[in-house]
Amino acid sequence: MAITKDLSLVAVEIRKWDLETNKIGITSFFVMDNQEKSLEFIVNIMQPPEMVEEFLGKLRYEAELKLKSENGTDEFSINFENETFLRQKVYNYFKRITSELNSTKRKKGQPRMIFTTHMDIYNETQDITFLQQRLQFYVVLNWSRKYYEREEFKKAVEPLRKLIKINPGYGPGYQMLARSLKKIRKYDEAMRYYERYAEVENTTEAWLDLAKSYRKGKVFDKSEAIYNRILADDPKNPEARIGIAQIRYATQDQEYIKLLDEIFKDSPDWTRSWLKEEFNFRIYTNDKMGLSPNQAAKFMGYDKIFDLTQRAFRNEIPSHFNPSRARLSFFKEELENWAQMMNRFNCLPGEVKLYPDRIHAEDAEMDEAEAAPAQNASTNNDSGSKNSTKVEEILTQLRARKAQRLAEASGNPQPRKNQPVNLTHQKPAKPQTVEVEETPAKRKRGRPRKTD
């Protein structure tokens, strides 16, 4: 006799589709035996009622096979919880995606697309307190994970708060909430949830995560205390060892080089990978020389700024990005330290070379470019001996326009370039009066207005 299992569908997500064969790849998230599971299979694009039958049939069949593979040769039968509601929900979803595919509002040349790739069985605005608590947890977990994986961290915060309220012992919920808050710059609140995450999980990974958060928040004493506690139990833990080296670097203690040498002896490949991908070369002092992207490119020997900025955005070179001003900047000392470590541990295929003399050459070129237009403007106007460059001509025009605007604002407009001017002394012309014949105003239509 078959064993009956209840299946509660939580969400459906379309990962891919092929319009030539009219097929879509669907991932289904569901709860069975108090555990969240998922299945992937293909459904044909047909009329919505037919798609519902095929989807539920395949979900039932694949779930039964999964149970059989996990539990031996026993036969199983799947029962969908709230099947009437489930069928209506799935029908509405398939109806929506088929209408998106067959939309006549597409622009010319635009391919057929599915825009609604995710469907929650229970909406976020819906009251789900009627569900069993175990199912409530997985429903809210799905809401949270949907936003978190899409990096929509602001939207993920509230579902994550609900999640840890339903299950205060779920450690990853605190971790996701802490990271989401950190991404939206709520650092103090994020730190509290990092602490709670470490307490609830109580694993080495959780404590390393907390130590890293303290370090990035410049709370170095608490960070180092956690690293030392981990090393007391595991003296060779590479992340704790390099964490202390990172603190020494941030505080400009040259001991960090000695610590990195020791770690490199034990794990050379791991150390190289960490230095390239994880090590933070930021110096937390104001006594450092800022470089523009153009100066940094010259300093590092790049012919094009684009080559430098591409590596910076891939986090291959230490840089600072200000999102509010959309500006990328660099610091000379950080680039020097990065180059030293890359060369010391042979992290890159070739040697990193720096060219500090080119920074000052770049400054001189900029100063000369600023001074040249004014000098050339005067000499060209007087003698016409030398032609201006295109840049100089543009700068001269900009300065002339600015002077014109200032003169007009002060009530003494200056003649524009190439405008004929009579330089002979002229008497001011007498003001002329012009008689204007008054015409009666047109009478407006409608009801006459009362007058006193």
Protein backbone atom coordinates (compact mmCIF):
# COMPACT_ATOMS: atom_id res chain seq x y z
CA MET A 1 0.00 0.00 0.00
CA ALA A 2 1.33 3.43 -0.97
CA ILE A 3 2.32 5.91 1.72
CA THR A 4 0.60 9.30 1.31
CA LYS A 5 2.71 12.43 1.68
CA ASP A 6 1.41 16.01 1.80
CA LEU A 7 3.12 18.51 -0.49
CA SER A 8 2.76 22.28 0.02
CA LEU A 9 3.90 24.31 -2.98
CA VAL A 10 5.54 27.59 -1.94
CA ALA A 11 6.87 29.17 -5.14
CA VAL A 12 7.47 28.63 -8.84
CA GLU A 13 10.31 30.14 -10.84
CA ILE A 14 11.00 30.03 -14.57
CA ARG A 15 14.74 29.71 -15.16
CA LYS A 16 14.79 29.39 -18.95
CA TRP A 17 12.55 29.08 -22.00
CA ASP A 18 12.88 28.01 -25.63
CA LEU A 19 10.33 29.56 -27.98
CA GLU A 20 11.39 27.41 -30.93
CA THR A 21 10.33 24.23 -29.14
CA ASN A 22 7.72 26.03 -26.96
CA LYS A 23 9.15 24.74 -23.69
CA ILE A 24 9.92 26.38 -20.33
CA GLY A 25 12.18 25.15 -17.54
CA ILE A 26 10.46 25.46 -14.15
CA THR A 27 11.88 25.17 -10.63
CA SER A 28 9.29 24.37 -7.95
CA PHE A 29 9.92 25.05 -4.25
CA PHE A 30 7.75 23.07 -1.85
CA VAL A 31 7.57 21.75 1.71
CA MET A 32 7.29 18.05 2.48
CA ASP A 33 8.07 16.24 5.75
CA ASN A 34 8.81 19.63 7.38
CA GLN A 35 11.66 20.23 4.93
CA GLU A 36 12.01 22.53 1.96
CA LYS A 37 12.73 20.74 -1.30
CA SER A 38 12.93 21.75 -4.95
CA LEU A 39 12.47 20.07 -8.32
CA GLU A 40 13.27 21.14 -11.88
CA PHE A 41 11.47 19.92 -14.99
CA ILE A 42 10.23 21.03 -18.42
CA VAL A 43 6.66 22.11 -19.25
CA ASN A 44 5.29 22.71 -22.75
CA ILE A 45 3.85 26.13 -23.60
CA MET A 46 0.18 25.49 -24.36
CA GLN A 47 -3.17 26.86 -23.29
CA PRO A 48 -3.17 27.69 -19.54
CA PRO A 49 -5.55 24.84 -18.48
CA GLU A 50 -3.38 22.27 -20.26
CA MET A 51 -0.20 23.73 -18.74
CA VAL A 52 -1.74 23.44 -15.25
CA GLU A 53 -2.46 19.73 -15.74
CA GLU A 54 0.99 19.00 -17.12
CA PHE A 55 2.73 20.99 -14.39
CA LEU A 56 0.89 19.38 -11.47
CA GLY A 57 1.21 15.93 -13.04
CA LYS A 58 4.97 16.27 -13.46
CA LEU A 59 5.36 17.76 -9.98
CA ARG A 60 3.52 14.80 -8.45
CA TYR A 61 5.47 12.26 -10.50
CA GLU A 62 8.92 13.81 -9.81
CA ALA A 63 8.17 14.17 -6.08
CA GLU A 64 7.18 10.51 -5.84
CA LEU A 65 10.40 9.48 -7.60
CA LYS A 66 12.43 11.68 -5.22
CA LEU A 67 10.80 10.08 -2.18
CA LYS A 68 11.39 6.61 -3.55
CA SER A 69 15.09 7.31 -4.19
CA GLU A 70 15.52 8.70 -0.66
CA ASN A 71 13.55 6.01 1.19
CA GLY A 72 14.12 2.81 -0.74
CA THR A 73 11.54 0.79 -2.65
CA ASP A 74 8.39 1.94 -0.83
CA GLU A 75 5.57 3.31 -2.96
CA PHE A 76 4.41 6.86 -2.30
CA SER A 77 1.39 8.94 -3.21
CA ILE A 78 1.47 12.75 -3.25
CA ASN A 79 -1.40 14.86 -1.94
CA PHE A 80 -1.40 18.59 -2.76
CA GLU A 81 -2.45 20.75 0.18
CA ASN A 82 -5.15 23.33 -0.72
CA GLU A 83 -5.33 21.86 -4.23
CA THR A 84 -8.30 23.98 -5.39
CA PHE A 85 -6.53 27.20 -4.38
CA LEU A 86 -3.27 25.89 -5.85
CA ARG A 87 -4.83 25.12 -9.23
CA GLN A 88 -6.34 28.60 -9.50
CA LYS A 89 -3.06 30.24 -8.55
CA VAL A 90 -1.04 28.24 -11.07
CA TYR A 91 -3.66 28.84 -13.78
CA ASN A 92 -3.49 32.62 -13.27
CA TYR A 93 0.30 32.49 -13.48
CA PHE A 94 0.41 30.50 -16.72
CA LYS A 95 -2.26 32.75 -18.19
CA ARG A 96 -0.11 35.76 -17.42
CA ILE A 97 3.10 34.42 -18.95
CA THR A 98 1.33 33.25 -22.13
CA SER A 99 -0.19 36.73 -22.51
CA GLU A 100 3.30 38.23 -22.11
CA LEU A 101 4.64 35.93 -24.82
CA ASN A 102 1.77 36.71 -27.19
CA SER A 103 1.62 40.44 -26.47
CA THR A 104 0.96 42.65 -29.49
CA LYS A 105 2.48 45.68 -27.75
CA ARG A 106 6.05 44.61 -28.44
CA LYS A 107 8.21 47.06 -30.31
CA LYS A 108 9.34 46.16 -33.78
CA GLY A 109 12.23 43.71 -33.60
CA GLN A 110 11.78 43.06 -29.86
CA PRO A 111 11.85 39.31 -29.07
CA ARG A 112 9.05 37.52 -27.24
CA MET A 113 9.80 37.63 -23.52
CA ILE A 114 8.56 36.28 -20.20
CA PHE A 115 8.81 39.08 -17.63
CA THR A 116 7.04 37.46 -14.66
CA THR A 117 9.59 34.75 -13.95
CA HIS A 118 8.68 34.23 -10.28
CA MET A 119 5.37 33.40 -8.64
CA ASP A 120 4.68 33.19 -4.90
CA ILE A 121 1.81 30.90 -3.98
CA TYR A 122 1.16 33.19 -0.99
CA ASN A 123 1.65 36.92 -1.62
CA GLU A 124 3.54 39.17 0.78
CA THR A 125 0.43 41.29 1.35
CA GLN A 126 -1.59 38.21 2.27
CA ASP A 127 -2.31 37.18 5.86
CA ILE A 128 -0.68 33.76 6.26
CA THR A 129 -1.37 33.23 9.96
CA PHE A 130 -3.94 30.57 9.04
CA LEU A 131 -1.06 28.37 7.81
CA GLN A 132 0.82 26.05 10.11
CA GLN A 133 3.90 27.71 11.60
CA ARG A 134 6.31 25.39 9.77
CA LEU A 135 4.76 26.41 6.46
CA GLN A 136 4.70 30.10 7.43
CA PHE A 137 8.46 29.90 7.98
CA TYR A 138 9.19 28.51 4.51
CA VAL A 139 6.80 30.96 2.84
CA VAL A 140 8.57 33.93 4.43
CA LEU A 141 11.98 32.35 3.75
CA ASN A 142 11.05 32.25 0.07
CA TRP A 143 10.06 35.95 0.11
CA SER A 144 13.37 36.86 1.75
CA ARG A 145 15.53 34.73 -0.47
CA LYS A 146 13.87 36.04 -3.64
CA TYR A 147 14.98 39.61 -2.89
CA TYR A 148 18.31 38.66 -1.33
CA GLU A 149 19.46 36.62 -4.33
CA ARG A 150 18.46 39.45 -6.68
CA GLU A 151 20.48 41.86 -4.49
CA GLU A 152 17.36 43.91 -3.75
CA PHE A 153 18.55 44.29 -0.18
CA LYS A 154 16.20 47.08 0.84
CA LYS A 155 13.18 44.93 -0.04
CA ALA A 156 14.70 41.90 1.70
CA VAL A 157 14.91 43.55 5.13
CA GLU A 158 11.26 43.32 6.22
CA PRO A 159 10.71 39.67 5.16
CA LEU A 160 13.93 38.76 6.97
CA ARG A 161 12.70 40.46 10.14
CA LYS A 162 9.53 38.37 9.92
CA LEU A 163 11.60 35.26 9.31
CA ILE A 164 13.67 35.47 12.49
CA LYS A 165 10.55 36.40 14.42
CA ILE A 166 8.87 33.17 13.31
CA ASN A 167 12.01 31.13 14.02
CA PRO A 168 14.51 32.93 16.32
CA GLY A 169 16.87 29.96 16.11
CA TYR A 170 17.43 30.19 12.35
CA GLY A 171 21.01 31.47 12.08
CA PRO A 172 21.22 32.14 8.31
CA GLY A 173 18.28 34.54 8.71
CA TYR A 174 20.38 36.77 10.98
CA GLN A 175 23.28 36.56 8.52
CA MET A 176 21.17 37.58 5.51
CA LEU A 177 19.55 40.38 7.52
CA ALA A 178 22.93 41.68 8.70
CA ARG A 179 24.34 41.69 5.19
CA SER A 180 21.23 43.36 3.76
CA LEU A 181 21.37 46.12 6.39
CA LYS A 182 25.06 46.59 5.70
CA LYS A 183 24.37 46.98 1.97
CA ILE A 184 21.86 49.76 2.65
CA ARG A 185 24.37 51.44 5.00
CA LYS A 186 22.69 50.70 8.32
CA TYR A 187 25.97 49.61 9.86
CA ASP A 188 25.16 49.76 13.58
CA GLU A 189 22.03 47.66 13.21
CA ALA A 190 23.85 45.26 10.89
CA MET A 191 26.55 44.71 13.51
CA ARG A 192 23.97 43.71 16.11
CA TYR A 193 22.60 41.03 13.80
CA TYR A 194 26.10 39.79 12.96
CA GLU A 195 26.63 39.32 16.70
CA ARG A 196 23.32 37.51 17.03
CA TYR A 197 24.19 35.30 14.04
CA ALA A 198 27.47 34.20 15.66
CA GLU A 199 25.73 33.47 18.96
CA VAL A 200 22.94 31.41 17.36
CA GLU A 201 25.10 29.44 14.92
CA ASN A 202 28.18 29.20 17.17
CA THR A 203 30.37 27.88 14.35
CA THR A 204 33.86 28.90 13.26
CA GLU A 205 32.45 30.32 10.02
CA ALA A 206 29.94 32.46 11.92
CA TRP A 207 32.59 33.84 14.29
CA LEU A 208 34.92 34.56 11.35
CA ASP A 209 32.08 36.47 9.71
CA LEU A 210 31.61 38.55 12.87
CA ALA A 211 35.37 39.19 13.18
CA LYS A 212 35.48 40.34 9.57
CA SER A 213 32.56 42.70 10.20
CA TYR A 214 34.29 44.19 13.24
CA ARG A 215 37.49 44.61 11.22
CA LYS A 216 35.76 46.38 8.34
CA GLY A 217 34.02 48.58 10.89
CA LYS A 218 37.46 49.44 12.34
CA VAL A 219 36.61 47.81 15.69
CA PHE A 220 40.03 46.17 15.65
CA ASP A 221 40.22 45.11 19.30
CA LYS A 222 37.04 43.01 19.16
CA SER A 223 38.01 41.60 15.78
CA GLU A 224 41.45 40.49 16.95
CA ALA A 225 40.00 38.96 20.13
CA ILE A 226 37.76 36.68 18.05
CA TYR A 227 40.64 35.72 15.74
CA ASN A 228 42.82 34.81 18.73
CA ARG A 229 40.00 32.74 20.23
CA ILE A 230 39.67 30.79 16.98
CA LEU A 231 43.46 30.28 16.81
CA ALA A 232 43.47 28.93 20.36
CA ASP A 233 41.37 25.99 19.12
CA ASP A 234 42.81 25.86 15.58
CA PRO A 235 46.33 27.38 15.44
CA LYS A 236 46.64 26.88 11.67
CA ASN A 237 43.31 28.43 10.69
CA PRO A 238 44.37 30.52 7.66
CA GLU A 239 41.45 32.99 7.74
CA ALA A 240 42.06 33.88 11.38
CA ARG A 241 45.80 34.27 10.75
CA ILE A 242 45.35 36.47 7.70
CA GLY A 243 42.65 38.41 9.58
CA ILE A 244 45.26 39.46 12.14
CA ALA A 245 47.65 40.32 9.30
CA GLN A 246 44.89 42.46 7.82
CA ILE A 247 44.51 44.34 11.12
CA ARG A 248 48.28 44.95 11.26
CA TYR A 249 48.17 46.30 7.71
CA ALA A 250 45.21 48.59 8.44
CA THR A 251 47.02 50.05 11.46
CA GLN A 252 50.24 50.42 9.39
CA ASP A 253 52.13 47.88 11.50
CA GLN A 254 54.80 46.34 9.25
CA GLU A 255 54.44 43.04 11.13
CA TYR A 256 51.75 42.17 8.59
CA ILE A 257 54.47 41.23 6.06
CA LYS A 258 56.02 38.74 8.49
CA LEU A 259 52.60 37.21 9.19
CA LEU A 260 51.87 36.87 5.47
CA ASP A 261 55.25 35.19 4.93
CA GLU A 262 54.38 32.59 7.59
CA ILE A 263 50.95 31.91 6.10
CA PHE A 264 52.48 31.65 2.63
CA LYS A 265 54.90 28.93 3.76
CA ASP A 266 51.98 26.76 4.91
CA SER A 267 49.46 27.54 2.13
CA PRO A 268 51.07 29.31 -0.86
CA ASP A 269 48.21 28.85 -3.35
CA TRP A 270 45.57 29.83 -0.79
CA THR A 271 47.57 32.94 0.20
CA ARG A 272 47.96 34.08 -3.41
CA SER A 273 44.25 33.62 -4.04
CA TRP A 274 43.31 35.52 -0.86
CA LEU A 275 45.65 38.41 -1.63
CA LYS A 276 44.20 38.77 -5.13
CA GLU A 277 40.53 38.42 -4.24
CA GLU A 278 39.95 39.15 -0.54
CA PHE A 279 42.74 41.19 1.03
CA ASN A 280 41.67 44.77 1.76
CA PHE A 281 44.49 47.17 0.87
CA ARG A 282 42.68 50.23 2.22
CA ILE A 283 44.72 52.42 4.58
CA TYR A 284 42.62 54.04 7.31
CA THR A 285 44.56 57.32 7.61
CA ASN A 286 44.22 60.74 6.02
CA ASP A 287 47.96 60.96 5.33
CA LYS A 288 47.87 59.49 1.82
CA MET A 289 48.09 60.87 -1.70
CA GLY A 290 44.92 60.78 -3.77
CA LEU A 291 45.12 60.05 -7.48
CA SER A 292 42.61 60.69 -10.23
CA PRO A 293 41.93 57.82 -12.67
CA ASN A 294 44.17 59.56 -15.21
CA GLN A 295 47.02 59.92 -12.72
CA ALA A 296 46.60 56.33 -11.51
CA ALA A 297 46.72 55.06 -15.10
CA LYS A 298 49.98 56.94 -15.68
CA PHE A 299 51.36 55.71 -12.35
CA MET A 300 50.65 52.08 -13.24
CA GLY A 301 51.82 52.33 -16.84
CA TYR A 302 48.47 52.10 -18.62
CA ASP A 303 48.07 53.88 -21.94
CA LYS A 304 44.28 54.00 -21.58
CA ILE A 305 42.29 54.91 -18.48
CA PHE A 306 39.66 52.37 -19.55
CA ASP A 307 42.08 49.47 -18.96
CA LEU A 308 42.66 50.63 -15.38
CA THR A 309 39.01 51.30 -14.52
CA GLN A 310 37.94 47.92 -15.89
CA ARG A 311 40.31 46.15 -13.50
CA ALA A 312 39.23 48.42 -10.66
CA PHE A 313 35.54 47.59 -11.16
CA ARG A 314 36.45 43.89 -11.12
CA ASN A 315 38.19 44.50 -7.76
CA GLU A 316 41.53 43.46 -9.23
CA ILE A 317 43.15 46.76 -8.20
CA PRO A 318 42.52 48.65 -4.93
CA SER A 319 40.23 51.61 -5.59
CA HIS A 320 37.46 53.68 -4.03
CA PHE A 321 34.08 54.26 -5.65
CA ASN A 322 31.71 57.00 -4.51
CA PRO A 323 28.22 55.96 -5.73
CA SER A 324 26.58 59.29 -4.92
CA ARG A 325 29.06 61.15 -7.14
CA ALA A 326 29.74 58.24 -9.53
CA ARG A 327 33.44 58.86 -9.07
CA LEU A 328 36.35 56.39 -8.99
CA SER A 329 39.51 57.35 -7.11
CA PHE A 330 42.81 55.80 -6.07
CA PHE A 331 45.54 56.35 -3.47
CA LYS A 332 49.24 56.12 -4.27
CA GLU A 333 50.24 54.35 -1.05
CA GLU A 334 47.56 51.67 -1.43
CA LEU A 335 48.64 50.95 -5.01
CA GLU A 336 52.28 50.74 -3.88
CA ASN A 337 51.42 48.24 -1.13
CA TRP A 338 49.30 46.20 -3.51
CA ALA A 339 52.11 46.06 -6.08
CA GLN A 340 54.61 45.07 -3.39
CA MET A 341 52.46 42.12 -2.24
CA MET A 342 51.65 40.98 -5.79
CA ASN A 343 55.37 40.88 -6.61
CA ARG A 344 56.51 39.44 -3.27
CA PHE A 345 54.23 36.40 -3.52
CA ASN A 346 54.15 36.09 -7.34
CA CYS A 347 50.38 36.51 -7.44
CA LEU A 348 50.29 37.69 -11.06
CA PRO A 349 51.91 36.29 -14.22
CA GLY A 350 54.24 39.26 -14.60
CA GLU A 351 55.90 41.84 -12.38
CA VAL A 352 53.87 44.90 -11.44
CA LYS A 353 55.82 48.06 -12.31
CA LEU A 354 55.01 51.56 -11.10
CA TYR A 355 56.02 54.91 -12.63
CA PRO A 356 55.87 57.65 -9.95
CA ASP A 357 57.63 60.20 -12.19
CA ARG A 358 54.68 60.13 -14.59
CA ILE A 359 52.31 61.50 -11.93
CA HIS A 360 54.22 64.82 -11.80
CA ALA A 361 54.54 64.84 -15.57
CA GLU A 362 50.77 64.53 -15.77
CA ASP A 363 50.37 67.47 -13.36
CA ALA A 364 52.73 69.58 -15.48
CA GLU A 365 50.83 68.72 -18.65
CA MET A 366 47.56 69.76 -17.04
CA ASP A 367 49.03 73.08 -15.82
CA GLU A 368 50.50 73.77 -19.25
CA ALA A 369 47.20 72.97 -20.94
CA GLU A 370 45.43 75.45 -18.63
CA ALA A 371 47.95 78.23 -19.29
CA ALA A 372 48.33 77.74 -23.03
CA PRO A 373 44.88 78.94 -24.18
CA ALA A 374 45.23 82.35 -22.49
CA GLN A 375 48.73 82.89 -23.86
CA ASN A 376 47.82 81.75 -27.35
CA ALA A 377 44.67 83.83 -27.33
CA SER A 378 46.63 87.04 -26.75
CA THR A 379 49.44 86.24 -29.18
CA ASN A 380 47.10 85.04 -31.89
CA ASN A 381 44.90 88.11 -31.64
CA ASP A 382 47.89 90.45 -31.79
CA SER A 383 50.19 88.78 -34.29
CA GLY A 384 48.30 85.79 -35.64
CA SER A 385 51.62 83.96 -35.67
CA LYS A 386 50.47 80.60 -34.26
CA ASN A 387 47.32 78.55 -34.72
CA SER A 388 45.48 77.34 -31.61
CA THR A 389 44.76 73.68 -31.01
CA LYS A 390 41.17 72.44 -30.92
CA VAL A 391 41.21 72.21 -27.11
CA GLU A 392 42.60 75.73 -26.80
CA GLU A 393 39.96 77.11 -29.15
CA ILE A 394 37.17 75.51 -27.10
CA LEU A 395 38.59 76.86 -23.83
CA THR A 396 38.95 80.34 -25.35
CA GLN A 397 35.34 80.28 -26.53
CA LEU A 398 34.13 79.17 -23.11
CA ARG A 399 36.03 82.00 -21.40
CA ALA A 400 34.65 84.53 -23.91
CA ARG A 401 31.08 83.36 -23.31
CA LYS A 402 31.57 83.57 -19.56
CA ALA A 403 32.89 87.14 -19.85
CA GLN A 404 29.91 88.05 -22.05
CA ARG A 405 27.44 86.69 -19.49
CA LEU A 406 29.13 88.57 -16.64
CA ALA A 407 29.11 91.80 -18.64
CA GLU A 408 25.44 91.43 -19.53
CA ALA A 409 24.60 90.73 -15.90
CA SER A 410 26.37 93.95 -14.84
CA GLY A 411 24.48 96.00 -17.43
CA ASN A 412 27.50 96.61 -19.69
CA PRO A 413 27.27 94.07 -22.48
CA GLN A 414 30.41 93.45 -24.50
CA PRO A 415 30.40 92.81 -28.24
CA ARG A 416 30.60 89.19 -29.25
CA LYS A 417 33.50 87.92 -31.31
CA ASN A 418 33.38 88.91 -35.02
CA GLN A 419 30.59 91.42 -34.31
CA PRO A 420 31.27 94.84 -36.03
CA VAL A 421 31.84 97.66 -33.54
CA ASN A 422 31.91 101.43 -34.20
CA LEU A 423 34.81 102.73 -32.09
CA THR A 424 34.29 106.48 -32.94
CA HIS A 425 32.85 108.76 -30.28
CA GLN A 426 29.12 109.13 -30.69
CA LYS A 427 26.65 111.27 -28.86
CA PRO A 428 23.95 109.35 -27.11
CA ALA A 429 20.81 109.30 -29.22
CA LYS A 430 17.76 111.06 -27.90
CA PRO A 431 15.06 108.73 -26.75
CA GLN A 432 12.25 108.52 -29.30
CA THR A 433 8.64 108.31 -28.36
CA VAL A 434 6.33 106.17 -30.39
CA GLU A 435 2.62 106.72 -30.25
CA VAL A 436 0.64 103.53 -30.08
CA GLU A 437 -2.96 103.58 -31.15
CA GLU A 438 -5.13 102.08 -28.47
CA THR A 439 -7.55 99.45 -29.64
CA PRO A 440 -10.55 98.47 -27.62
CA ALA A 441 -10.29 95.13 -25.91
CA LYS A 442 -12.27 92.33 -27.43
CA ARG A 443 -15.47 91.59 -25.65
CA LYS A 444 -15.52 88.17 -24.09
CA ARG A 445 -18.37 85.88 -24.81
CA GLY A 446 -20.70 84.70 -22.13
CA ARG A 447 -22.65 86.25 -19.37
CA PRO A 448 -21.73 89.96 -18.73
CA ARG A 449 -19.92 90.69 -15.49
CA LYS A 450 -21.63 92.90 -12.94
CA THR A 451 -19.96 96.27 -12.31
CA ASP A 452 -20.31 98.70 -9.43
